[in-house]
Amino acid sequence: MTSYPTISFLSDYGTVDEFVGVVHSVIRQISPPTVVIDVTHEIPAHDVRAGGLALARSAQYLAPGVVLAVVDPGVGTERRAIAIEVGDGESVLIGPDNGLLAPAVAMVGGATRAFELTNPEYQLAAPGPTFAGRDVFAPAAAHLCAGVPVEELGDEVDPNGLMPAMIPITRFEDGALVAEVLWTDRFGNIQLNVDPDEVAAWGDRIGLRFDGGSRTGIRVETYAEIKTGEIGLVVDSYGLLSVAVDRSSAAEELGLGTGDEVKLLDLSDDPSAPSGIATPVTLREKP
């Protein structure tokens, strides 16, 4: 009998309401020894893509076990509730079939098997259809931790028929690498969907063009190397190119946010290109 010691829990529930606590309590009643790790509950409401990206960033560092992920704007509709086995049973991801789980599944090597959560024996009786996290997903996760085989949760489905992820990819257009802001962290660092290898031959200075402005980014290895007034380009802890400034918010400095387009230009053959340093200017009313 396979059982799992850990549930890693991610959602857009926030912590103002009782939702997270209720899910914890449901799990506790079904499988008291299970350790629940709260990955985050501050995914923007209904933002499946943001949830999927957060899960993908975390996936390779999460303890083997059950991953419970709930960002579910289609709750109560015909969208499926699913359990996806990965690593030949090392872990199982549980959540809605809306693309939320797909990036993490891809990150860890793909699905071994998948099941739709259709067995009411492993669900709570629901007074209404709008809290699947409590009534469907949490009980399924807890029962797996208590030793229930994943195939008992419902009907097996083809993993190839699951909803794919909505992850943007870069493209070259008019001599520029067109990228997108994937994520802005709490420090204001801007993660781009750019593999550093895509710009490896471009030298230390890269042009950044975006709605509202253009700057030159300077490649550095650490945030501490970014000089005051300079725009730095750092390979972040997830291996992607990130835009940062010294001890401040690059997002605020450049007016960029998640989903915005950024064009990167090779400046290695342009000695006249401006540096990444900006001088603050104060505008005053003419006397």
C-alpha atoms as a PDB file:
ATOM      1  CA  MET A   1       0.000   0.000   0.000  1.00  0.00           C
ATOM      2  CA  THR A   2       1.403   3.378  -1.061  1.00  0.00           C
ATOM      3  CA  SER A   3       0.890   6.336   1.240  1.00  0.00           C
ATOM      4  CA  TYR A   4       2.331   9.815   1.162  1.00  0.00           C
ATOM      5  CA  PRO A   5       3.592  11.799   4.171  1.00  0.00           C
ATOM      6  CA  THR A   6       3.241  15.308   2.743  1.00  0.00           C
ATOM      7  CA  ILE A   7       0.723  17.545   0.989  1.00  0.00           C
ATOM      8  CA  SER A   8       2.097  20.704  -0.644  1.00  0.00           C
ATOM      9  CA  PHE A   9      -0.821  23.132  -0.904  1.00  0.00           C
ATOM     10  CA  LEU A  10      -1.097  26.104  -3.313  1.00  0.00           C
ATOM     11  CA  SER A  11      -4.188  28.225  -3.977  1.00  0.00           C
ATOM     12  CA  ASP A  12      -5.625  31.646  -4.706  1.00  0.00           C
ATOM     13  CA  TYR A  13      -7.668  31.552  -1.477  1.00  0.00           C
ATOM     14  CA  GLY A  14      -5.666  34.189   0.379  1.00  0.00           C
ATOM     15  CA  THR A  15      -5.672  34.220   4.170  1.00  0.00           C
ATOM     16  CA  VAL A  16      -8.450  36.698   4.958  1.00  0.00           C
ATOM     17  CA  ASP A  17     -11.250  34.126   4.793  1.00  0.00           C
ATOM     18  CA  GLU A  18     -11.435  30.717   6.417  1.00  0.00           C
ATOM     19  CA  PHE A  19     -10.873  28.699   3.223  1.00  0.00           C
ATOM     20  CA  VAL A  20      -7.261  27.627   3.856  1.00  0.00           C
ATOM     21  CA  GLY A  21      -7.947  26.684   7.464  1.00  0.00           C
ATOM     22  CA  VAL A  22     -10.992  24.629   6.499  1.00  0.00           C
ATOM     23  CA  VAL A  23      -8.992  22.684   3.903  1.00  0.00           C
ATOM     24  CA  HIS A  24      -6.303  22.001   6.510  1.00  0.00           C
ATOM     25  CA  SER A  25      -8.953  20.710   8.910  1.00  0.00           C
ATOM     26  CA  VAL A  26     -10.529  18.407   6.320  1.00  0.00           C
ATOM     27  CA  ILE A  27      -7.114  16.884   5.634  1.00  0.00           C
ATOM     28  CA  ARG A  28      -6.402  16.544   9.355  1.00  0.00           C
ATOM     29  CA  GLN A  29      -9.610  14.615   9.998  1.00  0.00           C
ATOM     30  CA  ILE A  30      -8.975  12.135   7.181  1.00  0.00           C
ATOM     31  CA  SER A  31      -5.222  11.679   7.621  1.00  0.00           C
ATOM     32  CA  PRO A  32      -3.991  13.110  10.967  1.00  0.00           C
ATOM     33  CA  PRO A  33      -0.263  12.324  10.497  1.00  0.00           C
ATOM     34  CA  THR A  34      -0.012  14.170   7.178  1.00  0.00           C
ATOM     35  CA  VAL A  35       2.227  17.231   7.071  1.00  0.00           C
ATOM     36  CA  VAL A  36       0.714  20.099   5.040  1.00  0.00           C
ATOM     37  CA  ILE A  37       3.153  22.591   3.535  1.00  0.00           C
ATOM     38  CA  ASP A  38       1.597  25.883   2.415  1.00  0.00           C
ATOM     39  CA  VAL A  39       3.448  26.809  -0.764  1.00  0.00           C
ATOM     40  CA  THR A  40       1.430  30.011  -1.217  1.00  0.00           C
ATOM     41  CA  HIS A  41      -2.182  31.143  -1.063  1.00  0.00           C
ATOM     42  CA  GLU A  42      -1.549  34.563  -2.590  1.00  0.00           C
ATOM     43  CA  ILE A  43      -1.928  33.650  -6.265  1.00  0.00           C
ATOM     44  CA  PRO A  44      -4.038  36.452  -7.802  1.00  0.00           C
ATOM     45  CA  ALA A  45      -7.701  35.448  -7.773  1.00  0.00           C
ATOM     46  CA  HIS A  46      -8.675  33.237 -10.739  1.00  0.00           C
ATOM     47  CA  ASP A  47      -5.212  33.610 -12.352  1.00  0.00           C
ATOM     48  CA  VAL A  48      -4.613  30.065 -13.578  1.00  0.00           C
ATOM     49  CA  ARG A  49      -1.466  31.009 -15.458  1.00  0.00           C
ATOM     50  CA  ALA A  50       0.134  32.655 -12.424  1.00  0.00           C
ATOM     51  CA  GLY A  51      -0.741  29.615 -10.333  1.00  0.00           C
ATOM     52  CA  GLY A  52       0.696  27.259 -12.924  1.00  0.00           C
ATOM     53  CA  LEU A  53       3.933  29.233 -13.130  1.00  0.00           C
ATOM     54  CA  ALA A  54       4.304  29.338  -9.339  1.00  0.00           C
ATOM     55  CA  LEU A  55       3.743  25.595  -9.210  1.00  0.00           C
ATOM     56  CA  ALA A  56       6.272  25.003 -11.979  1.00  0.00           C
ATOM     57  CA  ARG A  57       8.882  27.157 -10.225  1.00  0.00           C
ATOM     58  CA  SER A  58       8.346  25.153  -7.038  1.00  0.00           C
ATOM     59  CA  ALA A  59       7.878  21.654  -8.435  1.00  0.00           C
ATOM     60  CA  GLN A  60      11.432  20.330  -8.381  1.00  0.00           C
ATOM     61  CA  TYR A  61      11.898  21.506  -4.780  1.00  0.00           C
ATOM     62  CA  LEU A  62       8.677  20.146  -3.288  1.00  0.00           C
ATOM     63  CA  ALA A  63       8.829  17.105  -1.029  1.00  0.00           C
ATOM     64  CA  PRO A  64       7.704  13.873  -2.709  1.00  0.00           C
ATOM     65  CA  GLY A  65       4.045  13.289  -1.923  1.00  0.00           C
ATOM     66  CA  VAL A  66       0.779  14.932  -2.914  1.00  0.00           C
ATOM     67  CA  VAL A  67       0.555  18.398  -4.475  1.00  0.00           C
ATOM     68  CA  LEU A  68      -2.819  20.059  -3.920  1.00  0.00           C
ATOM     69  CA  ALA A  69      -3.313  23.069  -6.210  1.00  0.00           C
ATOM     70  CA  VAL A  70      -6.553  25.050  -6.415  1.00  0.00           C
ATOM     71  CA  VAL A  71      -6.977  28.030  -8.729  1.00  0.00           C
ATOM     72  CA  ASP A  72     -10.371  27.229 -10.122  1.00  0.00           C
ATOM     73  CA  PRO A  73     -12.458  29.932 -11.804  1.00  0.00           C
ATOM     74  CA  GLY A  74     -14.524  27.158 -13.431  1.00  0.00           C
ATOM     75  CA  VAL A  75     -15.549  25.569 -10.121  1.00  0.00           C
ATOM     76  CA  GLY A  76     -19.004  24.006 -10.379  1.00  0.00           C
ATOM     77  CA  THR A  77     -18.857  23.726 -14.187  1.00  0.00           C
ATOM     78  CA  GLU A  78     -18.088  20.731 -16.395  1.00  0.00           C
ATOM     79  CA  ARG A  79     -14.326  21.127 -15.981  1.00  0.00           C
ATOM     80  CA  ARG A  80     -12.833  17.946 -14.576  1.00  0.00           C
ATOM     81  CA  ALA A  81     -11.246  17.368 -11.185  1.00  0.00           C
ATOM     82  CA  ILE A  82      -8.098  15.309 -11.692  1.00  0.00           C
ATOM     83  CA  ALA A  83      -5.241  13.468 -10.025  1.00  0.00           C
ATOM     84  CA  ILE A  84      -2.031  13.163 -12.061  1.00  0.00           C
ATOM     85  CA  GLU A  85       0.579  10.626 -11.048  1.00  0.00           C
ATOM     86  CA  VAL A  86       4.201  11.547 -11.852  1.00  0.00           C
ATOM     87  CA  GLY A  87       7.520   9.791 -11.370  1.00  0.00           C
ATOM     88  CA  ASP A  88       5.914   6.325 -11.499  1.00  0.00           C
ATOM     89  CA  GLY A  89       3.970   7.127  -8.358  1.00  0.00           C
ATOM     90  CA  GLU A  90       6.536   9.199  -6.463  1.00  0.00           C
ATOM     91  CA  SER A  91       4.062  12.097  -6.349  1.00  0.00           C
ATOM     92  CA  VAL A  92       0.472  12.877  -7.311  1.00  0.00           C
ATOM     93  CA  LEU A  93      -0.805  16.317  -8.332  1.00  0.00           C
ATOM     94  CA  ILE A  94      -4.460  17.080  -7.583  1.00  0.00           C
ATOM     95  CA  GLY A  95      -6.497  19.996  -8.856  1.00  0.00           C
ATOM     96  CA  PRO A  96      -8.783  21.241 -11.632  1.00  0.00           C
ATOM     97  CA  ASP A  97      -8.165  20.252 -15.238  1.00  0.00           C
ATOM     98  CA  ASN A  98      -7.746  23.825 -16.453  1.00  0.00           C
ATOM     99  CA  GLY A  99      -4.021  23.974 -17.259  1.00  0.00           C
ATOM    100  CA  LEU A 100      -2.999  24.758 -13.670  1.00  0.00           C
ATOM    101  CA  LEU A 101      -1.107  21.496 -13.119  1.00  0.00           C
ATOM    102  CA  ALA A 102       0.369  21.142 -16.612  1.00  0.00           C
ATOM    103  CA  PRO A 103       3.564  23.252 -16.214  1.00  0.00           C
ATOM    104  CA  ALA A 104       4.584  21.412 -13.045  1.00  0.00           C
ATOM    105  CA  VAL A 105       3.825  18.027 -14.605  1.00  0.00           C
ATOM    106  CA  ALA A 106       6.044  18.927 -17.565  1.00  0.00           C
ATOM    107  CA  MET A 107       8.772  20.195 -15.228  1.00  0.00           C
ATOM    108  CA  VAL A 108       9.055  16.823 -13.469  1.00  0.00           C
ATOM    109  CA  GLY A 109       9.055  14.702 -16.597  1.00  0.00           C
ATOM    110  CA  GLY A 110       5.415  14.225 -17.529  1.00  0.00           C
ATOM    111  CA  ALA A 111       2.478  12.169 -16.297  1.00  0.00           C
ATOM    112  CA  THR A 112       2.623   8.449 -15.559  1.00  0.00           C
ATOM    113  CA  ARG A 113      -1.160   8.098 -15.187  1.00  0.00           C
ATOM    114  CA  ALA A 114      -4.153  10.391 -14.682  1.00  0.00           C
ATOM    115  CA  PHE A 115      -7.545   9.898 -13.031  1.00  0.00           C
ATOM    116  CA  GLU A 116     -10.731  11.928 -12.904  1.00  0.00           C
ATOM    117  CA  LEU A 117     -12.000  12.368  -9.325  1.00  0.00           C
ATOM    118  CA  THR A 118     -15.409  10.762  -9.735  1.00  0.00           C
ATOM    119  CA  ASN A 119     -15.696   8.411  -6.740  1.00  0.00           C
ATOM    120  CA  PRO A 120     -18.020  10.025  -4.154  1.00  0.00           C
ATOM    121  CA  GLU A 121     -16.675   7.676  -1.469  1.00  0.00           C
ATOM    122  CA  TYR A 122     -13.592   9.873  -1.294  1.00  0.00           C
ATOM    123  CA  GLN A 123     -15.403  13.220  -1.366  1.00  0.00           C
ATOM    124  CA  LEU A 124     -17.435  15.229   1.135  1.00  0.00           C
ATOM    125  CA  ALA A 125     -21.165  15.734   0.699  1.00  0.00           C
ATOM    126  CA  ALA A 126     -21.348  19.261  -0.701  1.00  0.00           C
ATOM    127  CA  PRO A 127     -24.092  21.736   0.246  1.00  0.00           C
ATOM    128  CA  GLY A 128     -23.216  23.563  -2.977  1.00  0.00           C
ATOM    129  CA  PRO A 129     -20.785  23.106  -5.890  1.00  0.00           C
ATOM    130  CA  THR A 130     -18.548  26.131  -5.276  1.00  0.00           C
ATOM    131  CA  PHE A 131     -15.931  24.864  -2.786  1.00  0.00           C
ATOM    132  CA  ALA A 132     -14.283  21.938  -4.554  1.00  0.00           C
ATOM    133  CA  GLY A 133     -11.085  22.574  -2.623  1.00  0.00           C
ATOM    134  CA  ARG A 134     -12.872  21.473   0.543  1.00  0.00           C
ATOM    135  CA  ASP A 135     -15.270  18.904  -0.871  1.00  0.00           C
ATOM    136  CA  VAL A 136     -13.346  17.194  -3.688  1.00  0.00           C
ATOM    137  CA  PHE A 137      -9.635  18.050  -3.881  1.00  0.00           C
ATOM    138  CA  ALA A 138      -8.667  18.051  -0.180  1.00  0.00           C
ATOM    139  CA  PRO A 139     -10.423  14.740   0.606  1.00  0.00           C
ATOM    140  CA  ALA A 140      -8.766  13.082  -2.403  1.00  0.00           C
ATOM    141  CA  ALA A 141      -5.341  14.339  -1.324  1.00  0.00           C
ATOM    142  CA  ALA A 142      -5.882  13.236   2.273  1.00  0.00           C
ATOM    143  CA  HIS A 143      -7.129   9.774   1.304  1.00  0.00           C
ATOM    144  CA  LEU A 144      -4.035   9.249  -0.836  1.00  0.00           C
ATOM    145  CA  CYS A 145      -1.915  10.125   2.191  1.00  0.00           C
ATOM    146  CA  ALA A 146      -3.933   7.640   4.235  1.00  0.00           C
ATOM    147  CA  GLY A 147      -3.069   4.874   1.793  1.00  0.00           C
ATOM    148  CA  VAL A 148      -5.955   4.803  -0.695  1.00  0.00           C
ATOM    149  CA  PRO A 149      -4.600   3.852  -4.157  1.00  0.00           C
ATOM    150  CA  VAL A 150      -4.901   6.623  -6.713  1.00  0.00           C
ATOM    151  CA  GLU A 151      -6.936   4.369  -9.029  1.00  0.00           C
ATOM    152  CA  GLU A 152      -9.661   4.223  -6.371  1.00  0.00           C
ATOM    153  CA  LEU A 153     -10.350   7.947  -6.718  1.00  0.00           C
ATOM    154  CA  GLY A 154     -12.086   7.641 -10.074  1.00  0.00           C
ATOM    155  CA  ASP A 155     -11.864   6.717 -13.708  1.00  0.00           C
ATOM    156  CA  GLU A 156      -8.503   6.603 -15.464  1.00  0.00           C
ATOM    157  CA  VAL A 157      -8.154   9.143 -18.274  1.00  0.00           C
ATOM    158  CA  ASP A 158      -5.619   9.714 -21.031  1.00  0.00           C
ATOM    159  CA  PRO A 159      -2.961  12.212 -19.805  1.00  0.00           C
ATOM    160  CA  ASN A 160      -2.658  13.476 -23.383  1.00  0.00           C
ATOM    161  CA  GLY A 161      -6.249  14.721 -23.150  1.00  0.00           C
ATOM    162  CA  LEU A 162      -5.620  17.010 -20.180  1.00  0.00           C
ATOM    163  CA  MET A 163      -5.775  20.777 -20.565  1.00  0.00           C
ATOM    164  CA  PRO A 164      -2.348  22.098 -21.636  1.00  0.00           C
ATOM    165  CA  ALA A 165      -0.481  24.964 -20.012  1.00  0.00           C
ATOM    166  CA  MET A 166      -0.710  28.507 -21.320  1.00  0.00           C
ATOM    167  CA  ILE A 167       2.975  29.429 -21.134  1.00  0.00           C
ATOM    168  CA  PRO A 168       4.244  32.098 -23.552  1.00  0.00           C
ATOM    169  CA  ILE A 169       7.370  31.428 -25.603  1.00  0.00           C
ATOM    170  CA  THR A 170       9.796  33.941 -27.072  1.00  0.00           C
ATOM    171  CA  ARG A 171       9.998  34.724 -30.766  1.00  0.00           C
ATOM    172  CA  PHE A 172      12.277  36.746 -33.047  1.00  0.00           C
ATOM    173  CA  GLU A 173      10.635  39.628 -34.837  1.00  0.00           C
ATOM    174  CA  ASP A 174      12.328  42.443 -36.823  1.00  0.00           C
ATOM    175  CA  GLY A 175      15.698  41.669 -35.296  1.00  0.00           C
ATOM    176  CA  ALA A 176      14.455  41.656 -31.698  1.00  0.00           C
ATOM    177  CA  LEU A 177      13.748  38.842 -29.276  1.00  0.00           C
ATOM    178  CA  VAL A 178      10.140  39.378 -28.194  1.00  0.00           C
ATOM    179  CA  ALA A 179       9.689  38.278 -24.589  1.00  0.00           C
ATOM    180  CA  GLU A 180       7.048  38.558 -21.886  1.00  0.00           C
ATOM    181  CA  VAL A 181       7.087  39.301 -18.184  1.00  0.00           C
ATOM    182  CA  LEU A 182       6.238  35.993 -16.496  1.00  0.00           C
ATOM    183  CA  TRP A 183       6.348  37.149 -12.900  1.00  0.00           C
ATOM    184  CA  THR A 184       7.108  40.126 -10.714  1.00  0.00           C
ATOM    185  CA  ASP A 185       8.319  39.105  -7.259  1.00  0.00           C
ATOM    186  CA  ARG A 186       7.763  41.057  -4.028  1.00  0.00           C
ATOM    187  CA  PHE A 187      11.084  42.866  -4.530  1.00  0.00           C
ATOM    188  CA  GLY A 188       9.967  44.165  -7.918  1.00  0.00           C
ATOM    189  CA  ASN A 189      12.349  41.971  -9.918  1.00  0.00           C
ATOM    190  CA  ILE A 190      10.946  41.180 -13.368  1.00  0.00           C
ATOM    191  CA  GLN A 191      11.292  37.584 -14.562  1.00  0.00           C
ATOM    192  CA  LEU A 192      11.230  37.227 -18.351  1.00  0.00           C
ATOM    193  CA  ASN A 193      10.462  34.039 -20.291  1.00  0.00           C
ATOM    194  CA  VAL A 194      14.003  34.199 -21.662  1.00  0.00           C
ATOM    195  CA  ASP A 195      16.504  31.369 -21.407  1.00  0.00           C
ATOM    196  CA  PRO A 196      19.927  32.997 -20.920  1.00  0.00           C
ATOM    197  CA  ASP A 197      21.263  30.807 -23.744  1.00  0.00           C
ATOM    198  CA  GLU A 198      19.031  32.736 -26.160  1.00  0.00           C
ATOM    199  CA  VAL A 199      21.131  35.869 -25.603  1.00  0.00           C
ATOM    200  CA  ALA A 200      24.432  34.261 -24.610  1.00  0.00           C
ATOM    201  CA  ALA A 201      26.299  35.698 -27.604  1.00  0.00           C
ATOM    202  CA  TRP A 202      24.997  39.231 -27.191  1.00  0.00           C
ATOM    203  CA  GLY A 203      27.631  40.670 -24.884  1.00  0.00           C
ATOM    204  CA  ASP A 204      27.120  42.511 -21.604  1.00  0.00           C
ATOM    205  CA  ARG A 205      24.701  45.198 -22.840  1.00  0.00           C
ATOM    206  CA  ILE A 206      21.228  44.373 -24.119  1.00  0.00           C
ATOM    207  CA  GLY A 207      18.588  46.811 -25.303  1.00  0.00           C
ATOM    208  CA  LEU A 208      15.188  46.680 -23.655  1.00  0.00           C
ATOM    209  CA  ARG A 209      12.199  48.128 -25.513  1.00  0.00           C
ATOM    210  CA  PHE A 210       8.725  48.198 -24.031  1.00  0.00           C
ATOM    211  CA  ASP A 211       5.552  50.227 -24.073  1.00  0.00           C
ATOM    212  CA  GLY A 212       6.501  53.495 -22.459  1.00  0.00           C
ATOM    213  CA  GLY A 213      10.246  53.464 -22.893  1.00  0.00           C
ATOM    214  CA  SER A 214      13.562  51.905 -23.736  1.00  0.00           C
ATOM    215  CA  ARG A 215      16.616  51.194 -21.600  1.00  0.00           C
ATOM    216  CA  THR A 216      19.880  49.339 -21.781  1.00  0.00           C
ATOM    217  CA  GLY A 217      20.303  46.398 -19.455  1.00  0.00           C
ATOM    218  CA  ILE A 218      23.716  45.466 -18.082  1.00  0.00           C
ATOM    219  CA  ARG A 219      24.403  41.797 -17.443  1.00  0.00           C
ATOM    220  CA  VAL A 220      25.582  41.008 -13.930  1.00  0.00           C
ATOM    221  CA  GLU A 221      25.842  37.854 -11.841  1.00  0.00           C
ATOM    222  CA  THR A 222      24.376  39.175  -8.585  1.00  0.00           C
ATOM    223  CA  TYR A 223      21.971  41.910  -7.532  1.00  0.00           C
ATOM    224  CA  ALA A 224      24.761  43.541  -5.510  1.00  0.00           C
ATOM    225  CA  GLU A 225      26.715  44.229  -8.704  1.00  0.00           C
ATOM    226  CA  ILE A 226      23.997  46.510 -10.083  1.00  0.00           C
ATOM    227  CA  LYS A 227      25.132  50.119  -9.803  1.00  0.00           C
ATOM    228  CA  THR A 228      22.833  52.896  -8.650  1.00  0.00           C
ATOM    229  CA  GLY A 229      20.669  54.056 -11.532  1.00  0.00           C
ATOM    230  CA  GLU A 230      21.563  51.026 -13.622  1.00  0.00           C
ATOM    231  CA  ILE A 231      19.231  48.393 -15.057  1.00  0.00           C
ATOM    232  CA  GLY A 232      20.626  44.947 -14.339  1.00  0.00           C
ATOM    233  CA  LEU A 233      20.014  41.638 -16.105  1.00  0.00           C
ATOM    234  CA  VAL A 234      20.461  38.685 -13.761  1.00  0.00           C
ATOM    235  CA  VAL A 235      19.973  34.947 -14.225  1.00  0.00           C
ATOM    236  CA  ASP A 236      17.536  34.328 -11.382  1.00  0.00           C
ATOM    237  CA  SER A 237      17.191  31.355  -9.049  1.00  0.00           C
ATOM    238  CA  TYR A 238      14.946  29.570 -11.589  1.00  0.00           C
ATOM    239  CA  GLY A 239      17.429  29.937 -14.439  1.00  0.00           C
ATOM    240  CA  LEU A 240      15.598  32.656 -16.386  1.00  0.00           C
ATOM    241  CA  LEU A 241      16.665  36.190 -17.289  1.00  0.00           C
ATOM    242  CA  SER A 242      15.423  38.733 -14.755  1.00  0.00           C
ATOM    243  CA  VAL A 243      15.425  42.538 -14.859  1.00  0.00           C
ATOM    244  CA  ALA A 244      16.405  44.221 -11.596  1.00  0.00           C
ATOM    245  CA  VAL A 245      17.612  47.499 -10.095  1.00  0.00           C
ATOM    246  CA  ASP A 246      19.679  48.237  -7.010  1.00  0.00           C
ATOM    247  CA  ARG A 247      17.630  47.738  -3.823  1.00  0.00           C
ATOM    248  CA  SER A 248      14.456  48.951  -5.459  1.00  0.00           C
ATOM    249  CA  SER A 249      11.655  47.796  -7.744  1.00  0.00           C
ATOM    250  CA  ALA A 250      12.460  47.342 -11.419  1.00  0.00           C
ATOM    251  CA  ALA A 251       8.734  46.915 -12.036  1.00  0.00           C
ATOM    252  CA  GLU A 252       8.047  50.403 -10.671  1.00  0.00           C
ATOM    253  CA  GLU A 253      11.128  51.915 -12.311  1.00  0.00           C
ATOM    254  CA  LEU A 254      10.143  50.660 -15.781  1.00  0.00           C
ATOM    255  CA  GLY A 255       6.366  50.580 -15.378  1.00  0.00           C
ATOM    256  CA  LEU A 256       6.208  46.884 -16.248  1.00  0.00           C
ATOM    257  CA  GLY A 257       4.011  44.118 -14.864  1.00  0.00           C
ATOM    258  CA  THR A 258       3.160  40.478 -15.402  1.00  0.00           C
ATOM    259  CA  GLY A 259       2.107  39.798 -18.990  1.00  0.00           C
ATOM    260  CA  ASP A 260       3.758  42.887 -20.494  1.00  0.00           C
ATOM    261  CA  GLU A 261       5.827  42.539 -23.657  1.00  0.00           C
ATOM    262  CA  VAL A 262       9.542  43.356 -23.640  1.00  0.00           C
ATOM    263  CA  LYS A 263      11.737  43.351 -26.746  1.00  0.00           C
ATOM    264  CA  LEU A 264      15.426  42.526 -26.324  1.00  0.00           C
ATOM    265  CA  LEU A 265      17.969  43.832 -28.830  1.00  0.00           C
ATOM    266  CA  ASP A 266      21.586  42.830 -29.405  1.00  0.00           C
ATOM    267  CA  LEU A 267      23.767  45.899 -28.815  1.00  0.00           C
ATOM    268  CA  SER A 268      27.133  44.161 -29.103  1.00  0.00           C
ATOM    269  CA  ASP A 269      27.801  45.754 -32.511  1.00  0.00           C
ATOM    270  CA  ASP A 270      26.478  49.193 -31.550  1.00  0.00           C
ATOM    271  CA  PRO A 271      29.146  51.201 -29.686  1.00  0.00           C
ATOM    272  CA  SER A 272      26.900  54.269 -29.674  1.00  0.00           C
ATOM    273  CA  ALA A 273      24.161  52.569 -27.649  1.00  0.00           C
ATOM    274  CA  PRO A 274      23.465  54.312 -24.339  1.00  0.00           C
ATOM    275  CA  SER A 275      24.474  52.767 -21.035  1.00  0.00           C
ATOM    276  CA  GLY A 276      21.992  51.374 -18.559  1.00  0.00           C
ATOM    277  CA  ILE A 277      22.464  54.266 -16.152  1.00  0.00           C
ATOM    278  CA  ALA A 278      19.619  56.697 -15.663  1.00  0.00           C
ATOM    279  CA  THR A 279      19.898  60.152 -14.105  1.00  0.00           C
ATOM    280  CA  PRO A 280      16.870  61.210 -12.051  1.00  0.00           C
ATOM    281  CA  VAL A 281      15.270  64.436 -13.337  1.00  0.00           C
ATOM    282  CA  THR A 282      12.982  66.654 -11.296  1.00  0.00           C
ATOM    283  CA  LEU A 283      10.509  68.784 -13.249  1.00  0.00           C
ATOM    284  CA  ARG A 284       9.633  72.131 -11.734  1.00  0.00           C
ATOM    285  CA  GLU A 285       7.094  74.703 -12.787  1.00  0.00           C
ATOM    286  CA  LYS A 286       8.650  77.641 -14.632  1.00  0.00           C
ATOM    287  CA  PRO A 287       8.513  80.820 -12.520  1.00  0.00           C
END
